[in-house]
Amino acid sequence: MLNVALLSRWHVHADDYAQQAKANDGINISAVWDEDLERGKKWADELDVPFYEDLDELLSQSDIDGVIVDTPTNMHKDVIMKAAKNKKHIFTEKVLAITVSDYQEIVATIEEAGVVLMVSLPKLTDDYYLRAQKVLDDGTLGKLTTIRCRFAHNGAVPSKNSATGWLPAHFFDKVQCGGGALIDLGAHPIYLTNRLAGPARSLSAMLQSTSDQYDVDDNSVVLVEYESGAIGILETSFLSSGSPFQLELYGTEGTLLVEEQSVRLKTDTDWVDVTDTVYEPMPMEQWVHAINKTAEPSLKAEDFYHLTLINQAAAQSNETGERVLLDKVANN
């Protein structure tokens, strides 16, 4: 049984991860720390576990095996590296880091400590992605020429209850988040297309802020050139009501369309539903298996790295208005 501490309730998925931990027979939630003392104490009371005001004190506890990190993104580096140096296994909300240099420091510390890192990239374990990957790997589509992925919601659409929508106000804090819609919600199209299309060569990005209430993007598009020659269109938004999740793969021999849970394929015949049963454990399950050495995780360091790389390059492209070469960002 892994004794795990919850580090911050800042992210909107913090409660989801607490529920996943409680539902996992291999995890026992043992403590809470939060940079917001009032919020943390309330959460610890709800979970009936001790609250630690001092992070160093919590991490020094020998009976804590791992941590689940949901701090502001700009705190990931310090919090995760501290946890690693104290030999704690780490599960964290995406993204791992805002820059490639921070990513490299974090990973070097984790490797030196010999602990297990897992970043929550849940769509890489969803059955519709796994079905799409299988069709692509089988060669059914021929040569992939274009990939498009859209994931959007209406979290920043004003309502009678909130001028900034249902997302918490701190999701529009550029310092805490490292960005806006792309770095958070857009992470899903980024890591999915990274897996499906392979290494990227360059990109151009438009990270648009349509409101004067905050200084982060709320509606964004990234155009990617892959080393294979394929083109990618990655879309995300906090301003889309009713927008379905969409993943489209176009190849020389066929087309595959994913909308929500539906996967359809067209080659030289009519459209057919792809209904193969394909399964991967959720990221938290994979984390526990990796710690216990009972299974090798499918989520890898390269997934975490390329997500960081694309995000940093997109921010740079948006700032300069220019196409960005990925190897220049990687080697800076």
C-alpha atoms as a PDB file:
ATOM      1  CA  MET A   1       0.000   0.000   0.000  1.00  0.00           C
ATOM      2  CA  LEU A   2       1.380   3.393  -1.010  1.00  0.00           C
ATOM      3  CA  ASN A   3       0.896   6.222   1.463  1.00  0.00           C
ATOM      4  CA  VAL A   4       0.341   9.330  -0.640  1.00  0.00           C
ATOM      5  CA  ALA A   5       0.124  13.038   0.196  1.00  0.00           C
ATOM      6  CA  LEU A   6      -1.995  15.466  -1.807  1.00  0.00           C
ATOM      7  CA  LEU A   7      -0.047  18.629  -2.629  1.00  0.00           C
ATOM      8  CA  SER A   8      -2.473  21.504  -3.309  1.00  0.00           C
ATOM      9  CA  ARG A   9      -6.088  21.744  -4.399  1.00  0.00           C
ATOM     10  CA  TRP A  10      -5.297  24.566  -6.851  1.00  0.00           C
ATOM     11  CA  HIS A  11      -6.057  22.706 -10.077  1.00  0.00           C
ATOM     12  CA  VAL A  12      -9.636  21.950 -11.125  1.00  0.00           C
ATOM     13  CA  HIS A  13      -8.724  18.241 -11.368  1.00  0.00           C
ATOM     14  CA  ALA A  14      -7.356  17.965  -7.812  1.00  0.00           C
ATOM     15  CA  ASP A  15     -10.592  16.460  -6.489  1.00  0.00           C
ATOM     16  CA  ASP A  16     -10.698  14.042  -9.437  1.00  0.00           C
ATOM     17  CA  TYR A  17      -7.238  12.721  -8.569  1.00  0.00           C
ATOM     18  CA  ALA A  18      -8.201  12.417  -4.914  1.00  0.00           C
ATOM     19  CA  GLN A  19     -11.193  10.319  -5.977  1.00  0.00           C
ATOM     20  CA  GLN A  20      -9.013   8.170  -8.243  1.00  0.00           C
ATOM     21  CA  ALA A  21      -6.574   7.634  -5.380  1.00  0.00           C
ATOM     22  CA  LYS A  22      -9.367   6.668  -2.998  1.00  0.00           C
ATOM     23  CA  ALA A  23     -10.719   4.201  -5.571  1.00  0.00           C
ATOM     24  CA  ASN A  24      -7.309   2.571  -6.073  1.00  0.00           C
ATOM     25  CA  ASP A  25      -6.678  -0.357  -3.738  1.00  0.00           C
ATOM     26  CA  GLY A  26      -2.947   0.349  -3.869  1.00  0.00           C
ATOM     27  CA  ILE A  27      -3.163   3.925  -2.536  1.00  0.00           C
ATOM     28  CA  ASN A  28      -3.867   5.358   0.893  1.00  0.00           C
ATOM     29  CA  ILE A  29      -4.281   9.149   1.147  1.00  0.00           C
ATOM     30  CA  SER A  30      -2.255  10.035   4.261  1.00  0.00           C
ATOM     31  CA  ALA A  31      -1.787  13.815   4.324  1.00  0.00           C
ATOM     32  CA  VAL A  32      -2.497  17.165   2.663  1.00  0.00           C
ATOM     33  CA  TRP A  33      -0.364  20.236   2.035  1.00  0.00           C
ATOM     34  CA  ASP A  34      -1.539  23.365   0.255  1.00  0.00           C
ATOM     35  CA  GLU A  35       0.067  26.732  -0.442  1.00  0.00           C
ATOM     36  CA  ASP A  36      -3.334  28.167   0.526  1.00  0.00           C
ATOM     37  CA  LEU A  37      -3.603  27.227   4.212  1.00  0.00           C
ATOM     38  CA  GLU A  38      -7.360  27.715   4.534  1.00  0.00           C
ATOM     39  CA  ARG A  39      -8.093  25.664   1.426  1.00  0.00           C
ATOM     40  CA  GLY A  40      -5.684  22.934   2.502  1.00  0.00           C
ATOM     41  CA  LYS A  41      -7.042  22.644   6.037  1.00  0.00           C
ATOM     42  CA  LYS A  42     -10.580  22.374   4.688  1.00  0.00           C
ATOM     43  CA  TRP A  43      -9.537  19.598   2.309  1.00  0.00           C
ATOM     44  CA  ALA A  44      -7.666  17.693   5.015  1.00  0.00           C
ATOM     45  CA  ASP A  45     -10.746  17.886   7.243  1.00  0.00           C
ATOM     46  CA  GLU A  46     -12.934  16.539   4.439  1.00  0.00           C
ATOM     47  CA  LEU A  47     -10.528  13.628   3.927  1.00  0.00           C
ATOM     48  CA  ASP A  48      -9.916  13.135   7.657  1.00  0.00           C
ATOM     49  CA  VAL A  49      -6.129  13.228   7.279  1.00  0.00           C
ATOM     50  CA  PRO A  50      -3.423  15.464   8.791  1.00  0.00           C
ATOM     51  CA  PHE A  51      -2.691  18.860   7.238  1.00  0.00           C
ATOM     52  CA  TYR A  52       0.892  20.110   7.039  1.00  0.00           C
ATOM     53  CA  GLU A  53       1.534  23.833   6.808  1.00  0.00           C
ATOM     54  CA  ASP A  54       5.186  23.205   6.025  1.00  0.00           C
ATOM     55  CA  LEU A  55       5.952  21.268   2.830  1.00  0.00           C
ATOM     56  CA  ASP A  56       9.453  20.325   3.961  1.00  0.00           C
ATOM     57  CA  GLU A  57       8.036  18.799   7.137  1.00  0.00           C
ATOM     58  CA  LEU A  58       5.554  16.713   5.154  1.00  0.00           C
ATOM     59  CA  LEU A  59       8.201  15.520   2.688  1.00  0.00           C
ATOM     60  CA  SER A  60      10.481  14.508   5.538  1.00  0.00           C
ATOM     61  CA  GLN A  61       7.929  11.962   6.794  1.00  0.00           C
ATOM     62  CA  SER A  62       9.354   8.491   6.210  1.00  0.00           C
ATOM     63  CA  ASP A  63       5.905   6.908   5.951  1.00  0.00           C
ATOM     64  CA  ILE A  64       4.916   9.047   2.931  1.00  0.00           C
ATOM     65  CA  ASP A  65       5.769   7.113  -0.250  1.00  0.00           C
ATOM     66  CA  GLY A  66       4.484   9.466  -2.937  1.00  0.00           C
ATOM     67  CA  VAL A  67       2.775  12.738  -3.744  1.00  0.00           C
ATOM     68  CA  ILE A  68       0.033  13.903  -6.085  1.00  0.00           C
ATOM     69  CA  VAL A  69       0.878  17.414  -7.280  1.00  0.00           C
ATOM     70  CA  ASP A  70      -1.868  19.892  -8.205  1.00  0.00           C
ATOM     71  CA  THR A  71      -0.078  23.140  -7.398  1.00  0.00           C
ATOM     72  CA  PRO A  72       0.019  26.161  -9.710  1.00  0.00           C
ATOM     73  CA  THR A  73       2.086  25.202 -12.742  1.00  0.00           C
ATOM     74  CA  ASN A  74       4.843  27.692 -11.921  1.00  0.00           C
ATOM     75  CA  MET A  75       5.384  25.840  -8.616  1.00  0.00           C
ATOM     76  CA  HIS A  76       5.841  22.403 -10.246  1.00  0.00           C
ATOM     77  CA  LYS A  77       9.598  22.654 -10.560  1.00  0.00           C
ATOM     78  CA  ASP A  78      10.310  23.500  -6.916  1.00  0.00           C
ATOM     79  CA  VAL A  79       7.668  21.202  -5.425  1.00  0.00           C
ATOM     80  CA  ILE A  80       8.457  18.184  -7.623  1.00  0.00           C
ATOM     81  CA  MET A  81      12.217  18.511  -7.201  1.00  0.00           C
ATOM     82  CA  LYS A  82      11.802  18.763  -3.419  1.00  0.00           C
ATOM     83  CA  ALA A  83       9.626  15.668  -3.440  1.00  0.00           C
ATOM     84  CA  ALA A  84      12.132  13.762  -5.559  1.00  0.00           C
ATOM     85  CA  LYS A  85      15.053  14.728  -3.328  1.00  0.00           C
ATOM     86  CA  ASN A  86      13.038  13.300  -0.434  1.00  0.00           C
ATOM     87  CA  LYS A  87      12.619  10.026  -2.358  1.00  0.00           C
ATOM     88  CA  LYS A  88       8.898  10.459  -2.980  1.00  0.00           C
ATOM     89  CA  HIS A  89       7.285   9.072  -6.113  1.00  0.00           C
ATOM     90  CA  ILE A  90       5.452  11.770  -8.072  1.00  0.00           C
ATOM     91  CA  PHE A  91       2.137  11.947  -9.892  1.00  0.00           C
ATOM     92  CA  THR A  92       1.432  15.378 -11.328  1.00  0.00           C
ATOM     93  CA  GLU A  93      -1.163  17.220 -13.320  1.00  0.00           C
ATOM     94  CA  LYS A  94      -0.054  18.288 -16.777  1.00  0.00           C
ATOM     95  CA  VAL A  95       1.966  20.140 -17.810  1.00  0.00           C
ATOM     96  CA  LEU A  96       5.138  19.011 -16.063  1.00  0.00           C
ATOM     97  CA  ALA A  97       7.028  22.240 -16.787  1.00  0.00           C
ATOM     98  CA  ILE A  98       6.626  25.534 -18.619  1.00  0.00           C
ATOM     99  CA  THR A  99      10.034  25.406 -20.328  1.00  0.00           C
ATOM    100  CA  VAL A 100      12.323  22.706 -21.658  1.00  0.00           C
ATOM    101  CA  SER A 101      15.128  23.813 -19.333  1.00  0.00           C
ATOM    102  CA  ASP A 102      12.841  23.365 -16.302  1.00  0.00           C
ATOM    103  CA  TYR A 103      11.780  19.972 -17.656  1.00  0.00           C
ATOM    104  CA  GLN A 104      15.404  18.890 -17.911  1.00  0.00           C
ATOM    105  CA  GLU A 105      16.190  19.988 -14.345  1.00  0.00           C
ATOM    106  CA  ILE A 106      13.142  18.169 -13.000  1.00  0.00           C
ATOM    107  CA  VAL A 107      13.872  14.939 -14.855  1.00  0.00           C
ATOM    108  CA  ALA A 108      17.561  14.984 -13.881  1.00  0.00           C
ATOM    109  CA  THR A 109      16.583  15.290 -10.220  1.00  0.00           C
ATOM    110  CA  ILE A 110      14.019  12.482 -10.521  1.00  0.00           C
ATOM    111  CA  GLU A 111      16.494  10.169 -12.243  1.00  0.00           C
ATOM    112  CA  GLU A 112      19.133  10.846  -9.597  1.00  0.00           C
ATOM    113  CA  ALA A 113      16.599  10.121  -6.837  1.00  0.00           C
ATOM    114  CA  GLY A 114      15.423   6.910  -8.497  1.00  0.00           C
ATOM    115  CA  VAL A 115      11.720   7.679  -8.023  1.00  0.00           C
ATOM    116  CA  VAL A 116       8.808   7.153 -10.433  1.00  0.00           C
ATOM    117  CA  LEU A 117       7.301  10.132 -12.244  1.00  0.00           C
ATOM    118  CA  MET A 118       3.887  10.080 -13.888  1.00  0.00           C
ATOM    119  CA  VAL A 119       2.271  13.045 -15.653  1.00  0.00           C
ATOM    120  CA  SER A 120      -1.479  12.827 -16.174  1.00  0.00           C
ATOM    121  CA  LEU A 121      -2.040  12.562 -19.932  1.00  0.00           C
ATOM    122  CA  PRO A 122      -5.321  10.657 -19.745  1.00  0.00           C
ATOM    123  CA  LYS A 123      -6.393  10.752 -23.387  1.00  0.00           C
ATOM    124  CA  LEU A 124      -3.446   8.516 -24.268  1.00  0.00           C
ATOM    125  CA  THR A 125      -5.283   5.763 -22.398  1.00  0.00           C
ATOM    126  CA  ASP A 126      -8.746   6.414 -23.878  1.00  0.00           C
ATOM    127  CA  ASP A 127     -10.089   3.674 -26.110  1.00  0.00           C
ATOM    128  CA  TYR A 128     -10.847   5.972 -29.058  1.00  0.00           C
ATOM    129  CA  TYR A 129      -7.221   7.132 -29.195  1.00  0.00           C
ATOM    130  CA  LEU A 130      -5.981   3.539 -28.890  1.00  0.00           C
ATOM    131  CA  ARG A 131      -8.260   2.473 -31.738  1.00  0.00           C
ATOM    132  CA  ALA A 132      -6.998   5.365 -33.893  1.00  0.00           C
ATOM    133  CA  GLN A 133      -3.378   4.505 -33.115  1.00  0.00           C
ATOM    134  CA  LYS A 134      -3.957   0.855 -34.052  1.00  0.00           C
ATOM    135  CA  VAL A 135      -5.477   1.783 -37.420  1.00  0.00           C
ATOM    136  CA  LEU A 136      -2.557   4.124 -38.124  1.00  0.00           C
ATOM    137  CA  ASP A 137       0.047   1.561 -37.058  1.00  0.00           C
ATOM    138  CA  ASP A 138      -1.596  -1.123 -39.200  1.00  0.00           C
ATOM    139  CA  GLY A 139      -0.932   1.038 -42.273  1.00  0.00           C
ATOM    140  CA  THR A 140      -4.620   1.206 -43.171  1.00  0.00           C
ATOM    141  CA  LEU A 141      -4.441   4.981 -43.809  1.00  0.00           C
ATOM    142  CA  GLY A 142      -1.305   4.759 -45.921  1.00  0.00           C
ATOM    143  CA  LYS A 143       1.005   7.739 -45.447  1.00  0.00           C
ATOM    144  CA  LEU A 144      -0.370  10.234 -42.921  1.00  0.00           C
ATOM    145  CA  THR A 145      -0.662  13.638 -44.585  1.00  0.00           C
ATOM    146  CA  THR A 146      -2.771  15.720 -42.194  1.00  0.00           C
ATOM    147  CA  ILE A 147      -3.885  15.439 -38.571  1.00  0.00           C
ATOM    148  CA  ARG A 148      -6.338  17.713 -36.789  1.00  0.00           C
ATOM    149  CA  CYS A 149      -7.353  17.660 -33.135  1.00  0.00           C
ATOM    150  CA  ARG A 150      -9.772  19.971 -31.338  1.00  0.00           C
ATOM    151  CA  PHE A 151     -10.560  20.021 -27.629  1.00  0.00           C
ATOM    152  CA  ALA A 152     -12.506  22.982 -26.307  1.00  0.00           C
ATOM    153  CA  HIS A 153     -15.088  24.043 -23.743  1.00  0.00           C
ATOM    154  CA  ASN A 154     -16.907  27.168 -22.543  1.00  0.00           C
ATOM    155  CA  GLY A 155     -15.008  27.654 -19.281  1.00  0.00           C
ATOM    156  CA  ALA A 156     -14.344  31.359 -19.932  1.00  0.00           C
ATOM    157  CA  VAL A 157     -17.773  32.254 -21.298  1.00  0.00           C
ATOM    158  CA  PRO A 158     -19.305  34.841 -18.910  1.00  0.00           C
ATOM    159  CA  SER A 159     -22.446  33.856 -17.050  1.00  0.00           C
ATOM    160  CA  LYS A 160     -24.753  35.442 -14.491  1.00  0.00           C
ATOM    161  CA  ASN A 161     -22.676  33.796 -11.777  1.00  0.00           C
ATOM    162  CA  SER A 162     -19.214  34.741 -13.028  1.00  0.00           C
ATOM    163  CA  ALA A 163     -17.770  37.352 -15.380  1.00  0.00           C
ATOM    164  CA  THR A 164     -15.017  34.910 -16.385  1.00  0.00           C
ATOM    165  CA  GLY A 165     -17.127  31.749 -16.666  1.00  0.00           C
ATOM    166  CA  TRP A 166     -16.984  28.555 -14.618  1.00  0.00           C
ATOM    167  CA  LEU A 167     -13.206  28.226 -14.566  1.00  0.00           C
ATOM    168  CA  PRO A 168     -11.597  29.552 -11.365  1.00  0.00           C
ATOM    169  CA  ALA A 169     -10.142  33.069 -11.675  1.00  0.00           C
ATOM    170  CA  HIS A 170      -6.600  31.809 -11.095  1.00  0.00           C
ATOM    171  CA  PHE A 171      -6.765  29.896 -14.393  1.00  0.00           C
ATOM    172  CA  PHE A 172      -6.293  33.276 -16.076  1.00  0.00           C
ATOM    173  CA  ASP A 173      -3.187  34.162 -14.070  1.00  0.00           C
ATOM    174  CA  LYS A 174      -0.332  34.019 -16.573  1.00  0.00           C
ATOM    175  CA  VAL A 175       2.354  33.762 -13.881  1.00  0.00           C
ATOM    176  CA  GLN A 176       0.739  30.827 -12.070  1.00  0.00           C
ATOM    177  CA  CYS A 177      -0.406  28.970 -15.187  1.00  0.00           C
ATOM    178  CA  GLY A 178       2.382  29.766 -17.615  1.00  0.00           C
ATOM    179  CA  GLY A 179      -0.274  30.543 -20.215  1.00  0.00           C
ATOM    180  CA  GLY A 180      -3.957  30.072 -20.859  1.00  0.00           C
ATOM    181  CA  ALA A 181      -6.108  27.749 -22.947  1.00  0.00           C
ATOM    182  CA  LEU A 182      -3.279  26.153 -24.932  1.00  0.00           C
ATOM    183  CA  ILE A 183      -0.993  25.162 -22.054  1.00  0.00           C
ATOM    184  CA  ASP A 184      -3.915  23.700 -20.111  1.00  0.00           C
ATOM    185  CA  LEU A 185      -6.723  22.383 -22.309  1.00  0.00           C
ATOM    186  CA  GLY A 186      -4.596  22.423 -25.448  1.00  0.00           C
ATOM    187  CA  ALA A 187      -2.207  19.962 -23.831  1.00  0.00           C
ATOM    188  CA  HIS A 188      -4.541  17.160 -24.908  1.00  0.00           C
ATOM    189  CA  PRO A 189      -4.408  17.884 -28.666  1.00  0.00           C
ATOM    190  CA  ILE A 190      -0.644  18.435 -28.345  1.00  0.00           C
ATOM    191  CA  TYR A 191       0.262  15.119 -26.737  1.00  0.00           C
ATOM    192  CA  LEU A 192      -2.225  13.154 -28.850  1.00  0.00           C
ATOM    193  CA  THR A 193      -0.887  14.502 -32.141  1.00  0.00           C
ATOM    194  CA  ASN A 194       2.710  14.103 -30.916  1.00  0.00           C
ATOM    195  CA  ARG A 195       2.042  10.388 -30.476  1.00  0.00           C
ATOM    196  CA  LEU A 196       0.158   9.903 -33.716  1.00  0.00           C
ATOM    197  CA  ALA A 197       2.192  12.078 -36.094  1.00  0.00           C
ATOM    198  CA  GLY A 198       5.650  11.707 -34.568  1.00  0.00           C
ATOM    199  CA  PRO A 199       8.403  14.285 -34.034  1.00  0.00           C
ATOM    200  CA  ALA A 200       7.641  17.867 -35.072  1.00  0.00           C
ATOM    201  CA  ARG A 201      10.004  20.035 -37.115  1.00  0.00           C
ATOM    202  CA  SER A 202       8.410  23.479 -36.807  1.00  0.00           C
ATOM    203  CA  LEU A 203       5.234  25.296 -35.840  1.00  0.00           C
ATOM    204  CA  SER A 204       3.335  28.549 -36.066  1.00  0.00           C
ATOM    205  CA  ALA A 205       0.864  29.532 -33.359  1.00  0.00           C
ATOM    206  CA  MET A 206      -1.859  32.066 -32.670  1.00  0.00           C
ATOM    207  CA  LEU A 207      -2.739  32.325 -28.984  1.00  0.00           C
ATOM    208  CA  GLN A 208      -5.599  34.786 -28.933  1.00  0.00           C
ATOM    209  CA  SER A 209      -6.950  36.684 -25.928  1.00  0.00           C
ATOM    210  CA  THR A 210     -10.407  37.974 -26.722  1.00  0.00           C
ATOM    211  CA  SER A 211     -11.154  39.480 -23.306  1.00  0.00           C
ATOM    212  CA  ASP A 212      -9.575  42.449 -21.560  1.00  0.00           C
ATOM    213  CA  GLN A 213     -10.242  40.777 -18.194  1.00  0.00           C
ATOM    214  CA  TYR A 214      -7.114  38.608 -18.377  1.00  0.00           C
ATOM    215  CA  ASP A 215      -3.830  38.434 -20.251  1.00  0.00           C
ATOM    216  CA  VAL A 216      -3.771  34.783 -21.327  1.00  0.00           C
ATOM    217  CA  ASP A 217      -5.060  33.093 -24.453  1.00  0.00           C
ATOM    218  CA  ASP A 218      -8.620  31.817 -24.490  1.00  0.00           C
ATOM    219  CA  ASN A 219      -8.844  30.706 -28.138  1.00  0.00           C
ATOM    220  CA  SER A 220      -5.795  29.186 -29.839  1.00  0.00           C
ATOM    221  CA  VAL A 221      -4.558  27.351 -32.922  1.00  0.00           C
ATOM    222  CA  VAL A 222      -1.171  25.757 -33.642  1.00  0.00           C
ATOM    223  CA  LEU A 223      -0.065  24.724 -37.135  1.00  0.00           C
ATOM    224  CA  VAL A 224       2.605  22.021 -36.966  1.00  0.00           C
ATOM    225  CA  GLU A 225       5.016  20.636 -39.556  1.00  0.00           C
ATOM    226  CA  TYR A 226       6.139  17.100 -38.708  1.00  0.00           C
ATOM    227  CA  GLU A 227       9.418  15.486 -39.735  1.00  0.00           C
ATOM    228  CA  SER A 228       7.382  12.991 -41.767  1.00  0.00           C
ATOM    229  CA  GLY A 229       6.020  15.826 -43.907  1.00  0.00           C
ATOM    230  CA  ALA A 230       2.532  15.649 -42.375  1.00  0.00           C
ATOM    231  CA  ILE A 231       0.739  18.819 -41.287  1.00  0.00           C
ATOM    232  CA  GLY A 232      -1.041  19.189 -37.943  1.00  0.00           C
ATOM    233  CA  ILE A 233      -3.812  21.565 -36.901  1.00  0.00           C
ATOM    234  CA  LEU A 234      -4.246  21.781 -33.119  1.00  0.00           C
ATOM    235  CA  GLU A 235      -7.205  23.744 -31.760  1.00  0.00           C
ATOM    236  CA  THR A 236      -8.373  24.645 -28.277  1.00  0.00           C
ATOM    237  CA  SER A 237     -10.615  27.210 -26.648  1.00  0.00           C
ATOM    238  CA  PHE A 238     -12.186  28.298 -23.392  1.00  0.00           C
ATOM    239  CA  LEU A 239     -14.941  30.007 -25.422  1.00  0.00           C
ATOM    240  CA  SER A 240     -16.703  27.153 -27.240  1.00  0.00           C
ATOM    241  CA  SER A 241     -20.112  25.972 -26.108  1.00  0.00           C
ATOM    242  CA  GLY A 242     -21.110  22.549 -27.353  1.00  0.00           C
ATOM    243  CA  SER A 243     -17.811  21.886 -29.140  1.00  0.00           C
ATOM    244  CA  PRO A 244     -17.260  18.110 -29.416  1.00  0.00           C
ATOM    245  CA  PHE A 245     -13.854  16.489 -29.048  1.00  0.00           C
ATOM    246  CA  GLN A 246     -12.563  15.819 -32.569  1.00  0.00           C
ATOM    247  CA  LEU A 247      -9.550  13.918 -33.886  1.00  0.00           C
ATOM    248  CA  GLU A 248      -9.065  13.561 -37.643  1.00  0.00           C
ATOM    249  CA  LEU A 249      -6.388  11.588 -39.491  1.00  0.00           C
ATOM    250  CA  TYR A 250      -6.060  11.922 -43.269  1.00  0.00           C
ATOM    251  CA  GLY A 251      -3.809   9.588 -45.241  1.00  0.00           C
ATOM    252  CA  THR A 252      -3.067   8.556 -48.796  1.00  0.00           C
ATOM    253  CA  GLU A 253      -5.158   5.386 -48.416  1.00  0.00           C
ATOM    254  CA  GLY A 254      -7.903   6.395 -45.998  1.00  0.00           C
ATOM    255  CA  THR A 255      -9.436   8.735 -43.448  1.00  0.00           C
ATOM    256  CA  LEU A 256     -10.211   8.182 -39.772  1.00  0.00           C
ATOM    257  CA  LEU A 257     -12.558  10.484 -37.852  1.00  0.00           C
ATOM    258  CA  VAL A 258     -13.056  10.522 -34.083  1.00  0.00           C
ATOM    259  CA  GLU A 259     -15.888  12.563 -32.578  1.00  0.00           C
ATOM    260  CA  GLU A 260     -16.397  12.082 -28.857  1.00  0.00           C
ATOM    261  CA  GLN A 261     -16.393   8.258 -28.494  1.00  0.00           C
ATOM    262  CA  SER A 262     -17.224   7.450 -32.113  1.00  0.00           C
ATOM    263  CA  VAL A 263     -14.397   6.237 -34.390  1.00  0.00           C
ATOM    264  CA  ARG A 264     -15.144   5.928 -38.129  1.00  0.00           C
ATOM    265  CA  LEU A 265     -12.889   4.755 -40.945  1.00  0.00           C
ATOM    266  CA  LYS A 266     -13.164   5.164 -44.709  1.00  0.00           C
ATOM    267  CA  THR A 267     -10.814   3.530 -47.183  1.00  0.00           C
ATOM    268  CA  ASP A 268     -12.029   2.242 -50.560  1.00  0.00           C
ATOM    269  CA  THR A 269     -15.389   1.240 -49.129  1.00  0.00           C
ATOM    270  CA  ASP A 270     -18.142   3.002 -47.206  1.00  0.00           C
ATOM    271  CA  TRP A 271     -17.603   4.423 -43.735  1.00  0.00           C
ATOM    272  CA  VAL A 272     -17.256   1.724 -41.071  1.00  0.00           C
ATOM    273  CA  ASP A 273     -17.228   1.980 -37.298  1.00  0.00           C
ATOM    274  CA  VAL A 274     -13.966   0.973 -35.608  1.00  0.00           C
ATOM    275  CA  THR A 275     -15.030  -0.932 -32.505  1.00  0.00           C
ATOM    276  CA  ASP A 276     -11.916  -2.886 -31.514  1.00  0.00           C
ATOM    277  CA  THR A 277     -11.545  -3.428 -27.781  1.00  0.00           C
ATOM    278  CA  VAL A 278      -8.254  -1.839 -26.754  1.00  0.00           C
ATOM    279  CA  TYR A 279      -7.291  -1.069 -23.166  1.00  0.00           C
ATOM    280  CA  GLU A 280      -4.605   0.857 -21.289  1.00  0.00           C
ATOM    281  CA  PRO A 281      -4.722   1.608 -17.543  1.00  0.00           C
ATOM    282  CA  MET A 282      -5.352   5.216 -16.525  1.00  0.00           C
ATOM    283  CA  PRO A 283      -2.255   7.278 -15.641  1.00  0.00           C
ATOM    284  CA  MET A 284      -2.661   6.845 -11.881  1.00  0.00           C
ATOM    285  CA  GLU A 285      -2.991   3.070 -12.263  1.00  0.00           C
ATOM    286  CA  GLN A 286       0.134   3.067 -14.421  1.00  0.00           C
ATOM    287  CA  TRP A 287       1.967   5.052 -11.736  1.00  0.00           C
ATOM    288  CA  VAL A 288       1.124   2.481  -9.064  1.00  0.00           C
ATOM    289  CA  HIS A 289       2.123  -0.403 -11.348  1.00  0.00           C
ATOM    290  CA  ALA A 290       5.438   1.290 -12.148  1.00  0.00           C
ATOM    291  CA  ILE A 291       6.233   1.884  -8.457  1.00  0.00           C
ATOM    292  CA  ASN A 292       5.383  -1.733  -7.615  1.00  0.00           C
ATOM    293  CA  LYS A 293       7.196  -2.968 -10.733  1.00  0.00           C
ATOM    294  CA  THR A 294       4.131  -4.930 -11.824  1.00  0.00           C
ATOM    295  CA  ALA A 295       3.819  -3.361 -15.293  1.00  0.00           C
ATOM    296  CA  GLU A 296       5.723  -0.990 -17.570  1.00  0.00           C
ATOM    297  CA  PRO A 297       3.870   2.318 -18.139  1.00  0.00           C
ATOM    298  CA  SER A 298       2.805   3.257 -21.660  1.00  0.00           C
ATOM    299  CA  LEU A 299       3.152   6.940 -20.769  1.00  0.00           C
ATOM    300  CA  LYS A 300       6.806   7.817 -21.247  1.00  0.00           C
ATOM    301  CA  ALA A 301       9.273  10.623 -20.591  1.00  0.00           C
ATOM    302  CA  GLU A 302       9.217  11.524 -24.290  1.00  0.00           C
ATOM    303  CA  ASP A 303       5.468  12.236 -24.030  1.00  0.00           C
ATOM    304  CA  PHE A 304       6.137  14.666 -21.193  1.00  0.00           C
ATOM    305  CA  TYR A 305       9.114  16.228 -22.973  1.00  0.00           C
ATOM    306  CA  HIS A 306       7.465  16.837 -26.351  1.00  0.00           C
ATOM    307  CA  LEU A 307       4.405  18.345 -24.661  1.00  0.00           C
ATOM    308  CA  THR A 308       6.696  20.853 -22.933  1.00  0.00           C
ATOM    309  CA  LEU A 309       8.607  21.528 -26.153  1.00  0.00           C
ATOM    310  CA  ILE A 310       5.505  22.248 -28.253  1.00  0.00           C
ATOM    311  CA  ASN A 311       4.047  24.529 -25.583  1.00  0.00           C
ATOM    312  CA  GLN A 312       7.226  26.571 -25.260  1.00  0.00           C
ATOM    313  CA  ALA A 313       7.630  26.850 -29.039  1.00  0.00           C
ATOM    314  CA  ALA A 314       3.973  27.881 -29.471  1.00  0.00           C
ATOM    315  CA  ALA A 315       4.339  30.652 -26.889  1.00  0.00           C
ATOM    316  CA  GLN A 316       7.475  31.856 -28.685  1.00  0.00           C
ATOM    317  CA  SER A 317       5.781  31.773 -32.095  1.00  0.00           C
ATOM    318  CA  ASN A 318       2.815  33.732 -30.812  1.00  0.00           C
ATOM    319  CA  GLU A 319       5.075  36.336 -29.211  1.00  0.00           C
ATOM    320  CA  THR A 320       7.280  36.845 -32.274  1.00  0.00           C
ATOM    321  CA  GLY A 321       4.684  36.235 -34.971  1.00  0.00           C
ATOM    322  CA  GLU A 322       7.138  33.866 -36.643  1.00  0.00           C
ATOM    323  CA  ARG A 323       7.478  30.189 -37.458  1.00  0.00           C
ATOM    324  CA  VAL A 324       9.610  28.417 -34.836  1.00  0.00           C
ATOM    325  CA  LEU A 325      12.023  25.546 -35.463  1.00  0.00           C
ATOM    326  CA  LEU A 326      11.726  22.945 -32.711  1.00  0.00           C
ATOM    327  CA  ASP A 327      15.390  22.002 -32.594  1.00  0.00           C
ATOM    328  CA  LYS A 328      16.332  25.602 -31.807  1.00  0.00           C
ATOM    329  CA  VAL A 329      13.955  25.623 -28.818  1.00  0.00           C
ATOM    330  CA  ALA A 330      15.223  22.219 -27.681  1.00  0.00           C
ATOM    331  CA  ASN A 331      18.863  23.295 -27.818  1.00  0.00           C
ATOM    332  CA  ASN A 332      18.532  26.740 -26.210  1.00  0.00           C
END
